[in-house]
């Protein structure tokens, strides 16, 4: 592996860091990161306007995109499967029960495209990515 390129885990961690900064700039308060249970994981748990947000982050490095000229058409956030969102939702339900938190909550997705050479990134937020909570 080329020393300039990062492995998938590093890209994911960097993407989550960038997503947290992005969400904070949008007025979100980060509550927890990498909430893990045997049945699932939630990348970011945040809160905005009294609503708890369970955020799945999908990050890619620009270098890993197959055709860089099509980068503008590439939306990593659309690569999150419905089965992944349902797993996040199940974990979210248990999180809310464990915390005895009665607030409203939703599942959001942040897509991050990083350019490691320039250290820049572009983020997109999809709110309420899973409409019917489980």
C-alpha atoms as a PDB file:
ATOM      1  CA  UNK A   1       0.000   0.000   0.000  1.00  0.00           C
ATOM      2  CA  UNK A   2       1.285   3.442  -0.945  1.00  0.00           C
ATOM      3  CA  UNK A   3       2.385   5.416   2.130  1.00  0.00           C
ATOM      4  CA  UNK A   4       0.413   8.476   0.918  1.00  0.00           C
ATOM      5  CA  UNK A   5      -2.833   6.555   0.890  1.00  0.00           C
ATOM      6  CA  UNK A   6      -4.747   5.801   4.023  1.00  0.00           C
ATOM      7  CA  UNK A   7      -6.437   2.552   4.834  1.00  0.00           C
ATOM      8  CA  UNK A   8     -10.219   2.358   4.988  1.00  0.00           C
ATOM      9  CA  UNK A   9     -10.273   2.646   8.784  1.00  0.00           C
ATOM     10  CA  UNK A  10      -8.225   5.836   8.763  1.00  0.00           C
ATOM     11  CA  UNK A  11     -10.421   7.359   6.062  1.00  0.00           C
ATOM     12  CA  UNK A  12     -13.465   6.480   8.156  1.00  0.00           C
ATOM     13  CA  UNK A  13     -12.009   8.023  11.328  1.00  0.00           C
ATOM     14  CA  UNK A  14     -10.923  11.165   9.478  1.00  0.00           C
ATOM     15  CA  UNK A  15     -14.364  11.350   7.860  1.00  0.00           C
ATOM     16  CA  UNK A  16     -16.061  11.144  11.262  1.00  0.00           C
ATOM     17  CA  UNK A  17     -13.822  13.934  12.604  1.00  0.00           C
ATOM     18  CA  UNK A  18     -14.716  16.107   9.609  1.00  0.00           C
ATOM     19  CA  UNK A  19     -18.422  15.230   9.949  1.00  0.00           C
ATOM     20  CA  UNK A  20     -18.369  16.312  13.627  1.00  0.00           C
ATOM     21  CA  UNK A  21     -16.837  19.681  12.702  1.00  0.00           C
ATOM     22  CA  UNK A  22     -19.376  20.055   9.883  1.00  0.00           C
ATOM     23  CA  UNK A  23     -22.307  19.281  12.202  1.00  0.00           C
ATOM     24  CA  UNK A  24     -21.020  21.620  14.921  1.00  0.00           C
ATOM     25  CA  UNK A  25     -20.848  24.452  12.373  1.00  0.00           C
ATOM     26  CA  UNK A  26     -24.505  23.697  11.562  1.00  0.00           C
ATOM     27  CA  UNK A  27     -25.483  24.108  15.216  1.00  0.00           C
ATOM     28  CA  UNK A  28     -25.384  20.483  16.357  1.00  0.00           C
ATOM     29  CA  UNK A  29     -24.055  19.516  19.777  1.00  0.00           C
ATOM     30  CA  UNK A  30     -22.035  16.283  19.656  1.00  0.00           C
ATOM     31  CA  UNK A  31     -23.106  13.996  22.521  1.00  0.00           C
ATOM     32  CA  UNK A  32     -21.199  10.782  21.783  1.00  0.00           C
ATOM     33  CA  UNK A  33     -19.079   9.146  19.107  1.00  0.00           C
ATOM     34  CA  UNK A  34     -18.668   5.513  18.117  1.00  0.00           C
ATOM     35  CA  UNK A  35     -21.441   4.171  20.326  1.00  0.00           C
ATOM     36  CA  UNK A  36     -20.967   0.422  19.982  1.00  0.00           C
ATOM     37  CA  UNK A  37     -23.137  -2.480  21.003  1.00  0.00           C
ATOM     38  CA  UNK A  38     -22.941  -6.115  19.848  1.00  0.00           C
ATOM     39  CA  UNK A  39     -25.909  -5.539  17.498  1.00  0.00           C
ATOM     40  CA  UNK A  40     -24.723  -2.279  15.927  1.00  0.00           C
ATOM     41  CA  UNK A  41     -22.728   0.928  15.995  1.00  0.00           C
ATOM     42  CA  UNK A  42     -23.625   4.586  15.689  1.00  0.00           C
ATOM     43  CA  UNK A  43     -20.892   6.873  14.379  1.00  0.00           C
ATOM     44  CA  UNK A  44     -22.133  10.127  15.934  1.00  0.00           C
ATOM     45  CA  UNK A  45     -24.890  10.924  18.398  1.00  0.00           C
ATOM     46  CA  UNK A  46     -25.741  14.613  18.344  1.00  0.00           C
ATOM     47  CA  UNK A  47     -28.533  16.962  19.340  1.00  0.00           C
ATOM     48  CA  UNK A  48     -30.055  19.946  17.612  1.00  0.00           C
ATOM     49  CA  UNK A  49     -33.228  21.862  18.518  1.00  0.00           C
ATOM     50  CA  UNK A  50     -34.117  19.297  21.172  1.00  0.00           C
ATOM     51  CA  UNK A  51     -34.002  16.363  18.736  1.00  0.00           C
ATOM     52  CA  UNK A  52     -31.456  13.583  19.204  1.00  0.00           C
ATOM     53  CA  UNK A  53     -29.703  12.776  15.929  1.00  0.00           C
ATOM     54  CA  UNK A  54     -28.121   9.405  15.242  1.00  0.00           C
ATOM     55  CA  UNK A  55     -25.670  10.048  12.409  1.00  0.00           C
ATOM     56  CA  UNK A  56     -24.154   7.482  10.079  1.00  0.00           C
ATOM     57  CA  UNK A  57     -21.037   8.802   8.327  1.00  0.00           C
ATOM     58  CA  UNK A  58     -19.965   7.561   4.902  1.00  0.00           C
ATOM     59  CA  UNK A  59     -16.527   8.885   3.966  1.00  0.00           C
ATOM     60  CA  UNK A  60     -14.374   8.344   0.917  1.00  0.00           C
ATOM     61  CA  UNK A  61     -11.073   9.792  -0.125  1.00  0.00           C
ATOM     62  CA  UNK A  62     -11.009  11.499  -3.481  1.00  0.00           C
ATOM     63  CA  UNK A  63      -8.032   9.322  -4.401  1.00  0.00           C
ATOM     64  CA  UNK A  64     -10.168   6.188  -4.127  1.00  0.00           C
ATOM     65  CA  UNK A  65     -12.849   7.382  -6.562  1.00  0.00           C
ATOM     66  CA  UNK A  66     -12.742   5.438  -9.829  1.00  0.00           C
ATOM     67  CA  UNK A  67     -13.159   8.396 -12.200  1.00  0.00           C
ATOM     68  CA  UNK A  68     -12.198  11.716 -10.702  1.00  0.00           C
ATOM     69  CA  UNK A  69     -13.970  13.679 -13.438  1.00  0.00           C
ATOM     70  CA  UNK A  70     -17.260  12.268 -12.112  1.00  0.00           C
ATOM     71  CA  UNK A  71     -16.550  13.283  -8.515  1.00  0.00           C
ATOM     72  CA  UNK A  72     -19.368  15.844  -8.473  1.00  0.00           C
ATOM     73  CA  UNK A  73     -21.842  13.048  -9.241  1.00  0.00           C
ATOM     74  CA  UNK A  74     -20.505  10.796  -6.490  1.00  0.00           C
ATOM     75  CA  UNK A  75     -22.527  10.863  -3.299  1.00  0.00           C
ATOM     76  CA  UNK A  76     -21.079   8.593  -0.619  1.00  0.00           C
ATOM     77  CA  UNK A  77     -24.101   9.264   1.600  1.00  0.00           C
ATOM     78  CA  UNK A  78     -26.253   7.413  -0.955  1.00  0.00           C
ATOM     79  CA  UNK A  79     -24.111   4.302  -0.462  1.00  0.00           C
ATOM     80  CA  UNK A  80     -25.553   3.721   3.020  1.00  0.00           C
ATOM     81  CA  UNK A  81     -27.885   0.757   2.661  1.00  0.00           C
ATOM     82  CA  UNK A  82     -31.371   0.537   4.119  1.00  0.00           C
ATOM     83  CA  UNK A  83     -30.275  -2.509   6.137  1.00  0.00           C
ATOM     84  CA  UNK A  84     -27.466  -0.425   7.665  1.00  0.00           C
ATOM     85  CA  UNK A  85     -29.936   2.359   8.499  1.00  0.00           C
ATOM     86  CA  UNK A  86     -32.301  -0.160  10.106  1.00  0.00           C
ATOM     87  CA  UNK A  87     -29.426  -1.472  12.242  1.00  0.00           C
ATOM     88  CA  UNK A  88     -28.630   2.110  13.287  1.00  0.00           C
ATOM     89  CA  UNK A  89     -32.325   2.640  14.083  1.00  0.00           C
ATOM     90  CA  UNK A  90     -32.496  -0.488  16.273  1.00  0.00           C
ATOM     91  CA  UNK A  91     -29.371   0.635  18.127  1.00  0.00           C
ATOM     92  CA  UNK A  92     -30.880   4.133  18.480  1.00  0.00           C
ATOM     93  CA  UNK A  93     -34.061   2.735  20.055  1.00  0.00           C
ATOM     94  CA  UNK A  94     -32.020   0.832  22.630  1.00  0.00           C
ATOM     95  CA  UNK A  95     -29.829   3.878  23.285  1.00  0.00           C
ATOM     96  CA  UNK A  96     -32.897   6.027  23.973  1.00  0.00           C
ATOM     97  CA  UNK A  97     -34.383   3.325  26.236  1.00  0.00           C
ATOM     98  CA  UNK A  98     -31.119   2.888  28.164  1.00  0.00           C
ATOM     99  CA  UNK A  99     -30.821   6.653  28.675  1.00  0.00           C
ATOM    100  CA  UNK A 100     -34.542   6.890  29.530  1.00  0.00           C
ATOM    101  CA  UNK A 101     -34.623   9.724  27.018  1.00  0.00           C
ATOM    102  CA  UNK A 102     -38.138  10.558  25.828  1.00  0.00           C
ATOM    103  CA  UNK A 103     -37.088  13.181  23.285  1.00  0.00           C
ATOM    104  CA  UNK A 104     -37.792  12.905  19.596  1.00  0.00           C
ATOM    105  CA  UNK A 105     -34.978  11.388  17.543  1.00  0.00           C
ATOM    106  CA  UNK A 106     -34.074  10.715  13.956  1.00  0.00           C
ATOM    107  CA  UNK A 107     -31.506   9.001  11.776  1.00  0.00           C
ATOM    108  CA  UNK A 108     -29.291  11.251   9.623  1.00  0.00           C
ATOM    109  CA  UNK A 109     -26.460  10.513   7.206  1.00  0.00           C
ATOM    110  CA  UNK A 110     -23.397  12.634   6.424  1.00  0.00           C
ATOM    111  CA  UNK A 111     -21.429  11.957   3.254  1.00  0.00           C
ATOM    112  CA  UNK A 112     -17.814  13.137   3.204  1.00  0.00           C
ATOM    113  CA  UNK A 113     -15.514  13.344   0.192  1.00  0.00           C
ATOM    114  CA  UNK A 114     -11.954  14.091   1.280  1.00  0.00           C
ATOM    115  CA  UNK A 115      -9.051  15.273  -0.814  1.00  0.00           C
ATOM    116  CA  UNK A 116      -6.042  14.125   1.143  1.00  0.00           C
ATOM    117  CA  UNK A 117      -3.581  16.065  -1.011  1.00  0.00           C
ATOM    118  CA  UNK A 118      -5.219  19.454  -0.331  1.00  0.00           C
ATOM    119  CA  UNK A 119      -6.622  18.473   3.110  1.00  0.00           C
ATOM    120  CA  UNK A 120     -10.069  19.696   2.026  1.00  0.00           C
ATOM    121  CA  UNK A 121     -13.389  17.937   2.284  1.00  0.00           C
ATOM    122  CA  UNK A 122     -16.938  18.358   1.109  1.00  0.00           C
ATOM    123  CA  UNK A 123     -19.859  17.202   3.258  1.00  0.00           C
ATOM    124  CA  UNK A 124     -23.547  16.624   2.638  1.00  0.00           C
ATOM    125  CA  UNK A 125     -26.197  16.059   5.279  1.00  0.00           C
ATOM    126  CA  UNK A 126     -29.279  13.949   4.650  1.00  0.00           C
ATOM    127  CA  UNK A 127     -31.746  14.466   7.470  1.00  0.00           C
ATOM    128  CA  UNK A 128     -34.284  11.800   8.401  1.00  0.00           C
ATOM    129  CA  UNK A 129     -32.641   9.229   6.161  1.00  0.00           C
ATOM    130  CA  UNK A 130     -34.906   6.573   7.637  1.00  0.00           C
ATOM    131  CA  UNK A 131     -38.449   7.855   7.912  1.00  0.00           C
ATOM    132  CA  UNK A 132     -40.091   4.995   9.781  1.00  0.00           C
ATOM    133  CA  UNK A 133     -38.286   4.302  13.044  1.00  0.00           C
ATOM    134  CA  UNK A 134     -38.242   0.691  14.134  1.00  0.00           C
END
